[in-house]
Amino acid sequence: MRQETEIREPEDALIARVRRGDTSAFSALVSSHEDRAIGLAYSFLGNWEDAREAAQNAFVKAYRDFQRFRGESHFTTWFHRILVNECRDFLRKKKVRRNLAVNLTGDGDNEDVREAPELRIPGRENPGRDAADRELGEAIRSHAAQLPEQQHAVFIMRYMEDMSLEEIASSLRLTTGAVKAHLWQANRKMKEKLSKYRQEGTV
């Protein structure tokens, strides 16, 4: 019978083994971070297939460039930087903004449009549970995709992934002050875009 509790090797030990060329250690790192990586990518891309592909590509790049990881920050912070850049490449190459607009009008055949986005919005305990939450989630994703790159990134990482300002700053190589400025701009624009829902008391 398989034990429920699995003993995991400390991440520092795994990193040391990866530096020595141990591919199994990197596979263990991937297993540890894969779910959150796919979730973060999905918050950017709005499509599970693209999210999985972006996360996989990011892990490949991380392994290829692992010697550049000096340990000056956490592995998660370093990897998130690679993943965010990979997601940005997806947005450029596949024109996800336009595809999202098509899907949200019901003209697309992407199966992901049937799924309620798992958004963690302050003040709402059960996002995505009913039709109003579903509509709000789709509107947030659609409008966020239209923000400038840095504003888009900080908005998603803060409100969809619950990352701290310090984590965002480290991942994007920004100062905390710059993150706050981008977040303020993003919030201002999103409030304007979502004024309909604010008037209805949805947000």
Protein backbone atom coordinates (compact mmCIF):
# COMPACT_ATOMS: atom_id res chain seq x y z
CA MET A 1 0.00 0.00 0.00
CA ARG A 2 1.35 3.40 -1.00
CA GLN A 3 2.13 5.77 1.84
CA GLU A 4 0.08 8.95 1.92
CA THR A 5 2.98 11.08 3.16
CA GLU A 6 5.90 11.41 0.78
CA ILE A 7 9.24 12.66 2.08
CA ARG A 8 10.53 15.39 -0.21
CA GLU A 9 14.14 16.36 -0.59
CA PRO A 10 14.85 20.00 0.40
CA GLU A 11 14.88 22.34 -2.57
CA ASP A 12 18.41 23.55 -1.85
CA ALA A 13 19.64 19.95 -2.11
CA LEU A 14 17.79 19.48 -5.39
CA ILE A 15 19.31 22.66 -6.80
CA ALA A 16 22.80 21.49 -5.81
CA ARG A 17 22.20 18.19 -7.61
CA VAL A 18 20.94 19.97 -10.72
CA ARG A 19 24.14 22.03 -10.79
CA ARG A 20 26.03 18.72 -10.88
CA GLY A 21 24.02 17.65 -13.93
CA ASP A 22 21.46 15.43 -12.20
CA THR A 23 18.40 15.49 -14.48
CA SER A 24 16.27 13.55 -11.98
CA ALA A 25 16.73 16.39 -9.49
CA PHE A 26 15.42 18.88 -12.02
CA SER A 27 12.44 16.59 -12.69
CA ALA A 28 11.72 16.75 -8.96
CA LEU A 29 11.84 20.56 -9.10
CA VAL A 30 9.42 20.51 -12.02
CA SER A 31 7.02 18.25 -10.13
CA SER A 32 7.13 20.61 -7.15
CA HIS A 33 6.42 23.77 -9.14
CA GLU A 34 4.43 22.52 -12.13
CA ASP A 35 0.88 23.07 -10.83
CA ARG A 36 1.48 26.67 -9.81
CA ALA A 37 3.39 27.36 -13.03
CA ILE A 38 0.47 26.15 -15.14
CA GLY A 39 -1.96 28.15 -13.01
CA LEU A 40 0.06 31.34 -13.45
CA ALA A 41 0.36 30.74 -17.19
CA TYR A 42 -3.38 30.17 -17.42
CA SER A 43 -4.01 33.48 -15.67
CA PHE A 44 -2.07 35.16 -18.46
CA LEU A 45 -3.28 33.12 -21.43
CA GLY A 46 -6.82 32.01 -20.52
CA ASN A 47 -6.31 28.65 -22.23
CA TRP A 48 -5.21 25.45 -20.49
CA GLU A 49 -3.48 23.97 -23.51
CA ASP A 50 -1.43 27.14 -24.07
CA ALA A 51 -0.74 27.36 -20.32
CA ARG A 52 0.68 23.83 -20.20
CA GLU A 53 2.79 24.46 -23.29
CA ALA A 54 4.09 27.77 -21.94
CA ALA A 55 4.96 26.19 -18.59
CA GLN A 56 6.73 23.29 -20.32
CA ASN A 57 8.72 25.69 -22.51
CA ALA A 58 9.66 27.74 -19.46
CA PHE A 59 10.93 24.66 -17.63
CA VAL A 60 13.00 23.69 -20.67
CA LYS A 61 14.53 27.17 -20.79
CA ALA A 62 15.15 27.08 -17.04
CA TYR A 63 17.04 23.79 -17.36
CA ARG A 64 19.01 25.04 -20.34
CA ASP A 65 19.98 28.25 -18.52
CA PHE A 66 20.27 26.79 -15.02
CA GLN A 67 23.89 27.82 -14.61
CA ARG A 68 22.67 31.42 -14.71
CA PHE A 69 20.71 30.83 -11.53
CA ARG A 70 23.10 32.11 -8.87
CA GLY A 71 20.87 31.55 -5.87
CA GLU A 72 20.62 35.27 -5.18
CA SER A 73 16.82 34.85 -5.12
CA HIS A 74 14.52 31.90 -4.59
CA PHE A 75 14.25 29.42 -7.46
CA THR A 76 10.53 30.26 -7.69
CA THR A 77 11.27 33.95 -8.24
CA TRP A 78 13.87 33.20 -10.91
CA PHE A 79 11.61 30.70 -12.66
CA HIS A 80 8.57 33.01 -12.58
CA ARG A 81 10.62 35.59 -14.47
CA ILE A 82 11.24 33.04 -17.23
CA LEU A 83 7.60 31.95 -17.22
CA VAL A 84 6.20 35.49 -17.44
CA ASN A 85 8.45 36.19 -20.43
CA GLU A 86 7.30 32.96 -22.06
CA CYS A 87 3.66 33.96 -21.55
CA ARG A 88 4.35 37.34 -23.10
CA ASP A 89 5.81 35.60 -26.13
CA PHE A 90 2.63 33.55 -26.40
CA LEU A 91 0.53 36.69 -26.30
CA ARG A 92 2.57 38.23 -29.09
CA LYS A 93 2.88 35.20 -31.35
CA LYS A 94 -0.62 33.76 -31.05
CA LYS A 95 -2.48 37.05 -30.62
CA VAL A 96 -4.37 35.75 -27.63
CA ARG A 97 -6.04 39.10 -27.04
CA ARG A 98 -7.95 38.77 -30.32
CA ASN A 99 -8.75 35.11 -29.68
CA LEU A 100 -10.15 35.94 -26.25
CA ALA A 101 -12.44 38.56 -27.75
CA VAL A 102 -13.76 36.01 -30.25
CA ASN A 103 -14.30 33.39 -27.57
CA LEU A 104 -16.13 35.74 -25.24
CA THR A 105 -18.66 36.63 -27.93
CA GLY A 106 -19.47 32.96 -28.32
CA ASP A 107 -18.11 32.73 -31.88
CA GLY A 108 -15.13 30.57 -30.99
CA ASP A 109 -14.99 26.83 -30.45
CA ASN A 110 -12.39 26.80 -27.66
CA GLU A 111 -13.59 24.44 -24.95
CA ASP A 112 -11.94 26.56 -22.24
CA VAL A 113 -14.57 29.26 -22.70
CA ARG A 114 -17.03 26.99 -20.92
CA GLU A 115 -14.95 27.01 -17.77
CA ALA A 116 -15.42 29.67 -15.11
CA PRO A 117 -12.08 31.44 -14.52
CA GLU A 118 -10.61 30.73 -11.09
CA LEU A 119 -10.10 34.34 -10.12
CA ARG A 120 -9.36 35.32 -6.52
CA ILE A 121 -11.00 38.70 -6.24
CA PRO A 122 -10.79 40.56 -2.91
CA GLY A 123 -14.10 40.53 -1.08
CA ARG A 124 -15.54 37.54 -2.96
CA GLU A 125 -15.31 34.17 -1.19
CA ASN A 126 -16.63 31.99 -4.03
CA PRO A 127 -15.58 33.41 -7.42
CA GLY A 128 -16.86 31.63 -10.50
CA ARG A 129 -19.75 29.90 -8.69
CA ASP A 130 -22.67 31.50 -10.48
CA ALA A 131 -23.49 33.26 -13.73
CA ALA A 132 -22.68 36.73 -12.37
CA ASP A 133 -19.25 35.63 -11.19
CA ARG A 134 -18.61 33.88 -14.50
CA GLU A 135 -19.45 37.00 -16.49
CA LEU A 136 -17.31 39.13 -14.19
CA GLY A 137 -14.37 36.75 -14.47
CA GLU A 138 -14.52 36.76 -18.25
CA ALA A 139 -14.72 40.55 -18.30
CA ILE A 140 -11.71 40.86 -15.99
CA ARG A 141 -9.62 38.49 -18.10
CA SER A 142 -10.61 40.20 -21.35
CA HIS A 143 -9.92 43.74 -20.14
CA ALA A 144 -6.71 42.78 -18.31
CA ALA A 145 -5.33 41.35 -21.57
CA GLN A 146 -5.64 44.82 -23.11
CA LEU A 147 -3.42 46.49 -20.49
CA PRO A 148 0.20 47.38 -21.32
CA GLU A 149 2.56 44.48 -20.64
CA GLN A 150 3.90 45.52 -17.23
CA GLN A 151 0.47 46.58 -15.96
CA HIS A 152 -1.00 43.31 -17.22
CA ALA A 153 1.70 41.31 -15.46
CA VAL A 154 1.45 43.01 -12.08
CA PHE A 155 -2.36 42.95 -12.14
CA ILE A 156 -2.45 39.20 -12.81
CA MET A 157 0.31 38.32 -10.38
CA ARG A 158 -1.24 40.43 -7.61
CA TYR A 159 -4.94 39.68 -7.96
CA MET A 160 -5.08 36.33 -9.75
CA GLU A 161 -2.07 34.71 -8.13
CA ASP A 162 -2.05 36.46 -4.73
CA MET A 163 1.65 37.29 -5.00
CA SER A 164 3.13 39.92 -2.71
CA LEU A 165 4.49 43.20 -4.05
CA GLU A 166 8.00 42.02 -3.17
CA GLU A 167 7.56 38.73 -5.06
CA ILE A 168 6.26 40.58 -8.12
CA ALA A 169 9.12 43.07 -7.98
CA SER A 170 11.71 40.28 -7.82
CA SER A 171 10.08 38.25 -10.59
CA LEU A 172 9.80 41.22 -12.97
CA ARG A 173 13.08 42.89 -11.92
CA LEU A 174 11.27 46.03 -10.84
CA THR A 175 11.39 48.10 -7.69
CA THR A 176 8.49 47.76 -5.29
CA GLY A 177 7.66 51.38 -6.06
CA ALA A 178 7.44 50.62 -9.77
CA VAL A 179 5.16 47.66 -9.07
CA LYS A 180 2.88 49.90 -7.03
CA ALA A 181 2.81 52.49 -9.83
CA HIS A 182 1.94 49.90 -12.49
CA LEU A 183 -0.68 48.40 -10.20
CA TRP A 184 -2.24 51.80 -9.57
CA GLN A 185 -2.46 52.47 -13.30
CA ALA A 186 -3.90 49.03 -13.95
CA ASN A 187 -6.48 49.41 -11.17
CA ARG A 188 -7.55 52.80 -12.49
CA LYS A 189 -8.08 51.45 -16.00
CA MET A 190 -9.81 48.30 -14.81
CA LYS A 191 -12.20 50.27 -12.62
CA GLU A 192 -13.21 52.28 -15.67
CA LYS A 193 -13.67 49.15 -17.76
CA LEU A 194 -15.63 47.39 -15.04
CA SER A 195 -17.80 50.35 -14.04
CA LYS A 196 -20.89 48.42 -15.16
CA TYR A 197 -20.24 45.74 -12.57
CA ARG A 198 -19.41 48.26 -9.87
CA GLN A 199 -22.73 50.00 -10.45
CA GLU A 200 -24.53 46.68 -10.18
CA GLY A 201 -22.69 45.88 -6.96
CA THR A 202 -20.91 42.85 -8.44
CA VAL A 203 -17.46 44.18 -7.53
